[in-house]
């Protein structure tokens, strides 16, 4: 929208001239023509992408600094600890946040009081499990540091258990701007603590302190955003029965989601050195960017949008979803295809030579992310329709295939074989998801094929361009000998 500025006049005030008013009026008419759900979805998408871009800038900046201050084995050690902690958390997930977002009682303070009580008790229980499991995990991996690092890192679960239910309500109402700013603030504080600690003491405790600081900042901020309301503990049998009735399928789904999404680091940490696991973790972080964007959009925009549209006729709902999903897939195909084609170049530019192996790992992992993008861009509809068993089954099959292919790949092809096994193991997630969506009338196979074609073309063109640049650079003389 073009603004024509007029600073004339004694007060030199900034105002829109008559030439800009028709454009402003047309823009406002188009905005008003959108339904409430459409406006919220559009605003939520913009804020999610903006906030995610800021989060990734912080994340990349942090990795560029910390990878120069800390050794790769520390990142490998932290990857194991974080995976174990996530395992414990996911094996006790009953879908509290999803219940608030999709349910009709999400705004009921009595209902939220029960959610807050269950969340807090779960957080304390998670830390106790971390304390009990730490000696066994340390013994399994042969590293005594884990016995201390895991319980201290596990305190973040207890801290998160006291997070305000305002975060769940912001998701339900698609107040993405406030939620994004809260998370960016917490991430920035955590990153600052990591860097300052690593400068003073380049040890594993720098990463631990950063994670705890981020958790504390997010919980404190969530209660500030909840004012003037206050979270209270509630114990109502009917509400608790409702929570756990829905939560049993969420528990099964998240359990297998963890097994499918985190077991690779646990297996590779046992099969190979901590140095390799640290390098793998950096490659995974880079390849995970498009998938993480999709997850962020899924939880903050797609799921609430689908929940608001669930009462519409199927034909109308399908058409709305098709038009919005098309742009999401196009963006993901371009981003992910670029990583496949130029991943090795990206690593060389961003990191020092100790991390060079992350380049080829990134390229392989990025290929495996594409089937997940296709599945997870529509899985929220299965949750809204109550068909949670499809994602659960897909992740269960992925976990089985991951164990078989990563171990077999390591035996046949070493590190490369193991990484290829991890990438291929994602296929059951897409297949099972498509079966469920096809039965419900939301398969969008043609859209998937077009998106896949764009992904492959982007990867091929980017790879070809990088190879041409490398060949040209190699053919140039380095200088004239004196």
Protein backbone atom coordinates (compact mmCIF):
# COMPACT_ATOMS: atom_id res chain seq x y z
CA UNK A 1 0.00 0.00 0.00
CA UNK A 2 1.60 3.19 -1.18
CA UNK A 3 1.73 6.08 1.21
CA UNK A 4 2.14 9.61 -0.12
CA UNK A 5 3.59 11.77 2.61
CA UNK A 6 2.80 15.42 3.05
CA UNK A 7 4.94 17.27 5.58
CA UNK A 8 3.79 20.73 4.55
CA UNK A 9 1.99 23.03 6.93
CA UNK A 10 2.99 24.74 10.11
CA UNK A 11 2.88 21.57 12.19
CA UNK A 12 4.59 19.46 9.49
CA UNK A 13 2.29 16.56 10.34
CA UNK A 14 2.55 13.16 8.65
CA UNK A 15 -0.71 12.26 6.92
CA UNK A 16 -2.13 10.29 4.02
CA UNK A 17 -2.93 12.46 1.01
CA UNK A 18 -6.05 12.11 -1.08
CA UNK A 19 -4.20 9.98 -3.64
CA UNK A 20 -3.54 7.25 -1.05
CA UNK A 21 -7.04 7.13 0.42
CA UNK A 22 -8.62 5.00 -2.35
CA UNK A 23 -5.87 2.40 -1.92
CA UNK A 24 -6.35 2.37 1.84
CA UNK A 25 -10.11 2.07 1.42
CA UNK A 26 -9.76 -0.84 -1.03
CA UNK A 27 -7.31 -2.61 1.28
CA UNK A 28 -9.65 -2.23 4.27
CA UNK A 29 -12.61 -3.49 2.20
CA UNK A 30 -10.66 -6.62 1.23
CA UNK A 31 -9.60 -7.16 4.83
CA UNK A 32 -13.16 -6.73 6.12
CA UNK A 33 -14.42 -9.18 3.51
CA UNK A 34 -12.36 -11.94 5.11
CA UNK A 35 -14.04 -13.98 7.80
CA UNK A 36 -12.82 -13.89 11.39
CA UNK A 37 -11.13 -17.27 11.03
CA UNK A 38 -9.40 -16.20 7.82
CA UNK A 39 -8.10 -12.97 9.37
CA UNK A 40 -6.81 -14.83 12.42
CA UNK A 41 -5.19 -17.48 10.23
CA UNK A 42 -3.51 -14.89 7.99
CA UNK A 43 -2.30 -12.83 10.94
CA UNK A 44 -1.15 -15.97 12.74
CA UNK A 45 0.77 -17.20 9.71
CA UNK A 46 2.55 -13.88 9.25
CA UNK A 47 3.50 -13.66 12.92
CA UNK A 48 4.56 -17.31 13.08
CA UNK A 49 6.88 -16.92 10.10
CA UNK A 50 8.22 -13.59 11.38
CA UNK A 51 8.84 -14.93 14.87
CA UNK A 52 10.29 -18.14 13.54
CA UNK A 53 12.67 -16.18 11.36
CA UNK A 54 13.81 -14.25 14.41
CA UNK A 55 14.13 -17.45 16.43
CA UNK A 56 16.23 -19.08 13.72
CA UNK A 57 18.49 -16.05 13.49
CA UNK A 58 19.07 -16.30 17.23
CA UNK A 59 19.59 -20.04 16.96
CA UNK A 60 22.07 -19.78 14.10
CA UNK A 61 23.92 -16.89 15.70
CA UNK A 62 24.12 -18.88 18.92
CA UNK A 63 25.40 -22.00 17.16
CA UNK A 64 28.02 -20.02 15.25
CA UNK A 65 29.35 -18.60 18.54
CA UNK A 66 29.00 -21.67 20.76
CA UNK A 67 30.49 -24.08 18.21
CA UNK A 68 33.63 -21.96 18.35
CA UNK A 69 33.65 -21.83 22.16
CA UNK A 70 32.73 -25.47 22.89
CA UNK A 71 33.93 -28.83 21.57
CA UNK A 72 31.70 -31.11 19.42
CA UNK A 73 31.57 -33.83 22.10
CA UNK A 74 29.73 -31.43 24.46
CA UNK A 75 26.97 -31.00 21.88
CA UNK A 76 26.86 -34.78 21.50
CA UNK A 77 26.58 -35.23 25.26
CA UNK A 78 23.81 -32.63 25.45
CA UNK A 79 21.97 -34.30 22.56
CA UNK A 80 21.81 -37.53 24.57
CA UNK A 81 20.60 -35.73 27.70
CA UNK A 82 17.96 -33.76 25.81
CA UNK A 83 16.73 -36.88 24.02
CA UNK A 84 16.37 -38.78 27.31
CA UNK A 85 14.59 -35.82 28.90
CA UNK A 86 12.24 -35.55 25.93
CA UNK A 87 11.59 -39.28 26.11
CA UNK A 88 10.53 -39.00 29.74
CA UNK A 89 8.35 -35.97 28.92
CA UNK A 90 6.65 -37.54 25.93
CA UNK A 91 6.02 -40.82 27.71
CA UNK A 92 3.85 -38.85 30.12
CA UNK A 93 2.12 -36.50 27.69
CA UNK A 94 -1.68 -36.49 27.95
CA UNK A 95 -2.32 -33.67 25.47
CA UNK A 96 -3.24 -30.89 27.90
CA UNK A 97 -2.53 -28.08 25.45
CA UNK A 98 -4.30 -29.82 22.55
CA UNK A 99 -7.29 -30.45 24.80
CA UNK A 100 -7.58 -26.74 25.57
CA UNK A 101 -7.15 -25.74 21.90
CA UNK A 102 -9.64 -28.19 20.37
CA UNK A 103 -12.13 -28.44 23.22
CA UNK A 104 -15.21 -26.32 23.83
CA UNK A 105 -14.27 -25.71 27.49
CA UNK A 106 -10.87 -24.20 26.86
CA UNK A 107 -11.92 -20.81 28.25
CA UNK A 108 -13.52 -22.25 31.40
CA UNK A 109 -11.43 -21.22 34.45
CA UNK A 110 -12.50 -24.34 36.36
CA UNK A 111 -11.34 -26.51 33.49
CA UNK A 112 -8.04 -24.59 33.24
CA UNK A 113 -7.45 -24.99 36.99
CA UNK A 114 -7.49 -28.77 36.56
CA UNK A 115 -5.19 -28.49 33.54
CA UNK A 116 -2.74 -26.38 35.57
CA UNK A 117 -2.77 -28.86 38.47
CA UNK A 118 -2.10 -31.87 36.24
CA UNK A 119 0.63 -29.97 34.40
CA UNK A 120 2.40 -28.98 37.63
CA UNK A 121 2.28 -32.48 39.14
CA UNK A 122 3.53 -33.97 35.89
CA UNK A 123 6.50 -31.55 35.89
CA UNK A 124 7.58 -32.60 39.38
CA UNK A 125 7.17 -36.28 38.48
CA UNK A 126 9.32 -35.84 35.36
CA UNK A 127 12.21 -34.47 37.40
CA UNK A 128 12.01 -37.38 39.88
CA UNK A 129 12.17 -39.81 36.97
CA UNK A 130 15.22 -37.96 35.61
CA UNK A 131 16.98 -38.33 38.96
CA UNK A 132 16.19 -42.05 39.10
CA UNK A 133 17.17 -42.73 35.49
CA UNK A 134 20.44 -40.74 35.47
CA UNK A 135 22.79 -43.47 36.84
CA UNK A 136 21.46 -46.05 34.38
CA UNK A 137 21.78 -43.72 31.37
CA UNK A 138 25.32 -42.76 32.45
CA UNK A 139 26.25 -46.43 32.73
CA UNK A 140 24.72 -47.30 29.33
CA UNK A 141 26.69 -44.60 27.51
CA UNK A 142 29.82 -44.97 29.65
CA UNK A 143 29.98 -41.29 30.59
CA UNK A 144 29.81 -40.36 34.27
CA UNK A 145 28.94 -36.74 33.48
CA UNK A 146 25.42 -37.77 32.48
CA UNK A 147 24.69 -38.81 36.08
CA UNK A 148 24.90 -35.13 37.09
CA UNK A 149 23.87 -33.34 33.91
CA UNK A 150 20.57 -35.18 33.43
CA UNK A 151 19.04 -34.39 36.86
CA UNK A 152 20.06 -30.73 36.66
CA UNK A 153 18.75 -30.38 33.09
CA UNK A 154 15.59 -32.18 34.19
CA UNK A 155 14.74 -29.27 36.47
CA UNK A 156 13.50 -27.51 33.35
CA UNK A 157 10.57 -29.97 33.27
CA UNK A 158 9.52 -28.99 36.78
CA UNK A 159 9.88 -25.31 35.93
CA UNK A 160 7.80 -25.73 32.75
CA UNK A 161 5.13 -27.52 34.78
CA UNK A 162 4.25 -24.20 36.41
CA UNK A 163 3.86 -22.36 33.11
CA UNK A 164 0.64 -20.36 32.96
CA UNK A 165 -2.33 -21.73 31.04
CA UNK A 166 -2.31 -18.37 29.22
CA UNK A 167 0.06 -19.98 26.69
CA UNK A 168 -2.59 -22.59 25.84
CA UNK A 169 -5.26 -19.90 25.56
CA UNK A 170 -3.06 -17.85 23.24
CA UNK A 171 -2.81 -20.90 20.97
CA UNK A 172 -6.57 -21.44 21.09
CA UNK A 173 -7.34 -17.82 20.25
CA UNK A 174 -4.49 -17.65 17.71
CA UNK A 175 -2.88 -14.73 19.55
CA UNK A 176 0.36 -15.66 17.83
CA UNK A 177 2.04 -12.28 18.23
CA UNK A 178 2.09 -12.41 22.03
CA UNK A 179 3.12 -16.06 22.03
CA UNK A 180 5.92 -15.41 19.52
CA UNK A 181 7.32 -12.48 21.48
CA UNK A 182 7.28 -14.54 24.69
CA UNK A 183 9.24 -17.36 23.08
CA UNK A 184 11.72 -15.01 21.40
CA UNK A 185 12.37 -13.29 24.73
CA UNK A 186 12.98 -16.62 26.49
CA UNK A 187 15.26 -17.85 23.70
CA UNK A 188 17.32 -14.64 23.71
CA UNK A 189 17.85 -14.86 27.47
CA UNK A 190 18.88 -18.51 27.25
CA UNK A 191 21.32 -17.81 24.43
CA UNK A 192 22.90 -14.89 26.32
CA UNK A 193 23.45 -17.12 29.36
CA UNK A 194 25.04 -19.87 27.24
CA UNK A 195 27.50 -17.48 25.58
CA UNK A 196 28.47 -15.67 28.78
CA UNK A 197 28.93 -18.93 30.68
CA UNK A 198 30.93 -20.51 27.84
CA UNK A 199 33.25 -17.50 27.75
CA UNK A 200 33.94 -17.93 31.46
CA UNK A 201 33.83 -21.74 31.58
CA UNK A 202 33.66 -23.68 28.26
CA UNK A 203 32.01 -26.78 29.73
CA UNK A 204 28.72 -28.67 29.42
CA UNK A 205 27.27 -26.51 32.18
CA UNK A 206 27.07 -23.56 29.80
CA UNK A 207 24.47 -25.43 27.73
CA UNK A 208 22.65 -26.61 30.87
CA UNK A 209 22.48 -23.10 32.36
CA UNK A 210 21.16 -21.66 29.09
CA UNK A 211 18.31 -24.17 28.95
CA UNK A 212 17.28 -23.56 32.55
CA UNK A 213 17.41 -19.78 32.10
CA UNK A 214 15.20 -19.98 29.03
CA UNK A 215 12.63 -22.12 30.89
CA UNK A 216 12.51 -19.72 33.84
CA UNK A 217 12.09 -16.70 31.55
CA UNK A 218 9.24 -18.31 29.61
CA UNK A 219 7.34 -19.37 32.74
CA UNK A 220 7.72 -15.94 34.34
CA UNK A 221 6.61 -14.22 31.14
CA UNK A 222 3.57 -16.50 30.77
CA UNK A 223 2.27 -15.43 34.19
CA UNK A 224 2.81 -11.76 33.37
CA UNK A 225 0.72 -12.22 30.21
CA UNK A 226 -1.99 -13.94 32.25
CA UNK A 227 -2.74 -10.83 34.34
CA UNK A 228 -5.21 -10.00 35.79
CA UNK A 229 -6.13 -13.72 35.91
CA UNK A 230 -4.25 -16.11 38.17
CA UNK A 231 -3.73 -19.81 37.72
CA UNK A 232 -5.05 -21.96 40.52
CA UNK A 233 -5.01 -25.66 41.31
CA UNK A 234 -8.26 -27.52 40.70
CA UNK A 235 -9.24 -31.14 41.22
CA UNK A 236 -12.58 -32.12 39.72
CA UNK A 237 -13.16 -35.78 38.96
CA UNK A 238 -15.35 -35.14 35.92
CA UNK A 239 -12.81 -32.74 34.38
CA UNK A 240 -9.88 -35.03 35.12
CA UNK A 241 -11.76 -37.95 33.59
CA UNK A 242 -12.34 -35.88 30.45
CA UNK A 243 -8.67 -34.88 30.26
CA UNK A 244 -7.34 -38.40 30.59
CA UNK A 245 -9.98 -39.91 28.31
CA UNK A 246 -8.77 -37.72 25.43
CA UNK A 247 -5.19 -37.93 26.64
CA UNK A 248 -4.72 -41.68 26.29
CA UNK A 249 -4.53 -41.43 22.49
CA UNK A 250 -2.35 -38.34 22.74
CA UNK A 251 -0.08 -40.31 25.06
CA UNK A 252 0.25 -43.13 22.54
CA UNK A 253 0.78 -40.70 19.66
CA UNK A 254 3.42 -38.59 21.43
CA UNK A 255 5.18 -41.69 22.76
CA UNK A 256 5.71 -42.99 19.25
CA UNK A 257 6.46 -39.46 17.98
CA UNK A 258 9.37 -39.35 20.40
CA UNK A 259 10.55 -42.84 19.56
CA UNK A 260 10.47 -41.96 15.87
CA UNK A 261 11.96 -38.48 16.20
CA UNK A 262 14.61 -38.84 18.91
CA UNK A 263 15.81 -42.44 18.82
CA UNK A 264 18.27 -41.63 16.04
CA UNK A 265 20.44 -39.63 18.46
CA UNK A 266 20.22 -42.28 21.15
CA UNK A 267 21.26 -45.01 18.68
CA UNK A 268 24.00 -42.98 17.00
CA UNK A 269 25.33 -41.92 20.41
CA UNK A 270 25.81 -45.59 21.23
CA UNK A 271 27.17 -46.69 17.84
CA UNK A 272 29.57 -43.81 17.18
CA UNK A 273 31.61 -41.22 19.08
CA UNK A 274 30.20 -38.18 20.88
CA UNK A 275 32.13 -36.03 18.40
CA UNK A 276 30.16 -37.51 15.49
CA UNK A 277 26.90 -37.17 17.42
CA UNK A 278 27.65 -33.48 18.05
CA UNK A 279 28.29 -32.91 14.33
CA UNK A 280 25.13 -34.88 13.48
CA UNK A 281 23.14 -32.72 15.88
CA UNK A 282 24.24 -29.51 14.12
CA UNK A 283 23.27 -31.02 10.74
CA UNK A 284 19.93 -32.10 12.18
CA UNK A 285 19.31 -28.58 13.50
CA UNK A 286 19.88 -27.10 10.04
CA UNK A 287 17.78 -29.71 8.21
CA UNK A 288 15.04 -29.31 10.78
CA UNK A 289 14.30 -25.66 9.99
CA UNK A 290 11.55 -26.24 7.36
CA UNK A 291 10.00 -29.02 9.46
CA UNK A 292 10.09 -26.82 12.56
CA UNK A 293 8.32 -24.04 10.63
CA UNK A 294 5.62 -26.53 9.66
CA UNK A 295 5.25 -27.68 13.26
CA UNK A 296 5.00 -24.08 14.47
CA UNK A 297 2.35 -23.29 11.86
CA UNK A 298 0.60 -26.57 12.61
CA UNK A 299 0.25 -25.95 16.35
CA UNK A 300 -0.40 -22.19 16.25
CA UNK A 301 -2.33 -21.69 13.02
CA UNK A 302 -3.37 -24.89 11.22
CA UNK A 303 -4.79 -26.80 14.22
CA UNK A 304 -6.82 -23.84 15.59
CA UNK A 305 -8.02 -23.02 12.05
CA UNK A 306 -9.10 -26.60 11.43
CA UNK A 307 -10.81 -26.65 14.83
CA UNK A 308 -12.78 -23.52 13.90
CA UNK A 309 -13.70 -25.04 10.53
CA UNK A 310 -14.75 -28.48 11.78
CA UNK A 311 -18.45 -27.52 11.77
CA UNK A 312 -18.37 -26.43 8.11
CA UNK A 313 -19.61 -28.74 5.32
CA UNK A 314 -16.82 -31.03 4.11
CA UNK A 315 -16.77 -29.56 0.59
CA UNK A 316 -16.30 -26.02 1.88
CA UNK A 317 -13.68 -27.07 4.46
CA UNK A 318 -11.69 -29.05 1.87
CA UNK A 319 -11.52 -26.10 -0.50
CA UNK A 320 -10.35 -23.69 2.20
CA UNK A 321 -7.64 -26.10 3.34
CA UNK A 322 -6.47 -26.80 -0.22
CA UNK A 323 -5.89 -23.15 -1.07
CA UNK A 324 -3.90 -22.43 2.11
CA UNK A 325 -1.88 -25.64 2.10
CA UNK A 326 -0.67 -24.97 -1.46
CA UNK A 327 1.39 -21.98 -0.33
CA UNK A 328 2.79 -23.81 2.69
CA UNK A 329 4.02 -26.68 0.51
CA UNK A 330 5.54 -24.30 -2.04
CA UNK A 331 7.51 -22.49 0.66
CA UNK A 332 8.67 -25.77 2.24
CA UNK A 333 9.69 -27.24 -1.13
CA UNK A 334 11.85 -24.23 -2.00
CA UNK A 335 13.49 -24.08 1.45
CA UNK A 336 14.10 -27.80 1.79
CA UNK A 337 15.21 -28.28 -1.81
CA UNK A 338 17.79 -25.52 -1.33
CA UNK A 339 19.17 -27.32 1.73
CA UNK A 340 19.48 -30.57 -0.21
CA UNK A 341 21.33 -28.89 -3.07
CA UNK A 342 23.56 -26.52 -1.11
CA UNK A 343 23.83 -28.06 2.36
CA UNK A 344 27.55 -28.79 2.14
CA UNK A 345 28.29 -25.25 0.95
CA UNK A 346 26.20 -23.80 3.78
CA UNK A 347 28.19 -25.69 6.41
CA UNK A 348 31.54 -24.65 4.90
CA UNK A 349 30.47 -21.01 4.96
CA UNK A 350 28.98 -21.02 8.47
CA UNK A 351 31.23 -23.31 10.50
CA UNK A 352 34.91 -24.03 11.03
CA UNK A 353 36.55 -27.17 9.54
CA UNK A 354 35.80 -29.32 12.63
CA UNK A 355 32.15 -29.40 11.54
CA UNK A 356 32.66 -30.08 7.80
CA UNK A 357 31.02 -33.55 7.95
CA UNK A 358 27.75 -31.85 8.88
CA UNK A 359 27.44 -30.86 5.19
CA UNK A 360 26.74 -34.30 3.72
CA UNK A 361 24.69 -35.29 6.77
CA UNK A 362 22.53 -32.20 6.26
CA UNK A 363 21.88 -33.05 2.61
CA UNK A 364 20.76 -36.61 3.41
CA UNK A 365 18.58 -35.62 6.36
CA UNK A 366 16.91 -32.83 4.38
CA UNK A 367 15.70 -35.39 1.82
CA UNK A 368 14.06 -37.35 4.63
CA UNK A 369 12.27 -34.28 5.96
CA UNK A 370 10.11 -33.83 2.84
CA UNK A 371 7.74 -36.80 3.51
CA UNK A 372 7.27 -35.41 7.04
CA UNK A 373 6.31 -32.02 5.60
CA UNK A 374 3.66 -33.64 3.41
CA UNK A 375 2.24 -35.57 6.36
CA UNK A 376 2.43 -32.93 9.10
CA UNK A 377 0.85 -30.21 6.99
CA UNK A 378 -2.41 -32.21 7.25
CA UNK A 379 -2.07 -34.26 10.44
CA UNK A 380 -3.82 -31.52 12.51
CA UNK A 381 -7.02 -32.38 10.63
CA UNK A 382 -6.74 -35.96 11.88
CA UNK A 383 -6.44 -34.60 15.44
CA UNK A 384 -9.48 -32.36 14.96
CA UNK A 385 -11.50 -35.28 13.59
CA UNK A 386 -10.44 -37.45 16.52
CA UNK A 387 -8.43 -39.84 14.30
CA UNK A 388 -5.29 -39.67 16.45
CA UNK A 389 -4.53 -43.36 15.91
CA UNK A 390 -3.26 -42.71 12.37
CA UNK A 391 -0.30 -40.49 13.42
CA UNK A 392 0.36 -42.89 16.30
CA UNK A 393 0.54 -45.90 13.96
CA UNK A 394 2.69 -44.04 11.43
CA UNK A 395 5.23 -43.06 14.08
CA UNK A 396 5.23 -46.56 15.57
CA UNK A 397 6.15 -48.03 12.17
CA UNK A 398 8.73 -45.28 11.68
CA UNK A 399 10.34 -46.17 15.01
CA UNK A 400 10.61 -49.87 14.09
CA UNK A 401 12.06 -49.02 10.67
CA UNK A 402 14.45 -46.49 12.21
CA UNK A 403 15.93 -49.08 14.56
CA UNK A 404 16.31 -51.64 11.79
CA UNK A 405 17.69 -49.33 9.10
CA UNK A 406 20.04 -47.24 11.24
CA UNK A 407 21.69 -50.27 12.83
CA UNK A 408 21.80 -52.21 9.54
CA UNK A 409 23.05 -49.11 7.71
CA UNK A 410 25.81 -48.61 10.28
CA UNK A 411 26.86 -52.24 9.86
CA UNK A 412 26.92 -52.04 6.05
CA UNK A 413 28.02 -48.47 5.43
CA UNK A 414 29.26 -46.96 8.68
CA UNK A 415 28.25 -43.39 9.43
CA UNK A 416 26.86 -42.75 5.93
CA UNK A 417 24.74 -45.90 6.02
CA UNK A 418 23.32 -45.03 9.43
CA UNK A 419 22.31 -41.51 8.31
CA UNK A 420 20.68 -42.88 5.14
CA UNK A 421 18.74 -45.32 7.32
CA UNK A 422 17.47 -42.44 9.45
CA UNK A 423 16.31 -40.51 6.37
CA UNK A 424 14.48 -43.46 4.77
CA UNK A 425 12.69 -44.48 7.97
CA UNK A 426 10.23 -41.54 7.74
CA UNK A 427 8.21 -43.04 4.88
CA UNK A 428 5.62 -44.90 7.04
CA UNK A 429 4.54 -41.58 8.58
CA UNK A 430 3.47 -40.27 5.17
CA UNK A 431 1.88 -43.53 4.00
CA UNK A 432 -0.29 -44.05 7.10
CA UNK A 433 -1.24 -40.37 7.27
CA UNK A 434 -2.37 -40.43 3.64
CA UNK A 435 -4.48 -43.53 4.23
CA UNK A 436 -6.28 -41.81 7.12
CA UNK A 437 -6.73 -38.55 5.20
CA UNK A 438 -7.98 -40.39 2.09
CA UNK A 439 -10.65 -42.13 4.16
CA UNK A 440 -11.76 -38.74 5.53
CA UNK A 441 -11.68 -37.02 2.14
CA UNK A 442 -8.61 -34.83 2.73
CA UNK A 443 -5.83 -36.67 0.85
CA UNK A 444 -4.80 -33.95 -1.67
CA UNK A 445 -2.60 -36.39 -3.63
CA UNK A 446 -2.32 -34.13 -6.68
CA UNK A 447 -1.15 -31.25 -4.49
CA UNK A 448 1.48 -33.53 -2.93
CA UNK A 449 2.79 -34.59 -6.34
CA UNK A 450 3.11 -30.98 -7.52
CA UNK A 451 4.90 -30.00 -4.30
CA UNK A 452 7.27 -32.97 -4.63
CA UNK A 453 8.08 -31.98 -8.20
CA UNK A 454 8.95 -28.46 -7.03
CA UNK A 455 11.10 -29.89 -4.22
CA UNK A 456 13.06 -32.16 -6.59
CA UNK A 457 13.51 -29.40 -9.18
CA UNK A 458 14.75 -26.94 -6.55
CA UNK A 459 17.22 -29.49 -5.16
CA UNK A 460 18.55 -30.34 -8.63
CA UNK A 461 18.92 -26.73 -9.76
CA UNK A 462 20.57 -25.65 -6.51
CA UNK A 463 22.97 -28.60 -6.57
CA UNK A 464 23.87 -27.92 -10.21
CA UNK A 465 24.47 -24.24 -9.51
CA UNK A 466 26.73 -25.07 -6.55
CA UNK A 467 28.74 -27.56 -8.60
CA UNK A 468 29.24 -25.00 -11.38
CA UNK A 469 30.43 -22.42 -8.86
CA UNK A 470 32.83 -24.97 -7.32
CA UNK A 471 34.23 -25.92 -10.75
CA UNK A 472 34.69 -22.29 -11.71
CA UNK A 473 36.41 -21.48 -8.40
CA UNK A 474 38.73 -24.48 -8.71
CA UNK A 475 39.77 -23.44 -12.23
CA UNK A 476 40.84 -19.94 -11.17
CA UNK A 477 44.53 -19.33 -10.37
CA UNK A 478 45.19 -18.64 -6.71
CA UNK A 479 47.73 -15.97 -7.52
CA UNK A 480 51.03 -15.25 -9.21
CA UNK A 481 54.12 -16.69 -7.63
CA UNK A 482 56.75 -14.09 -6.85
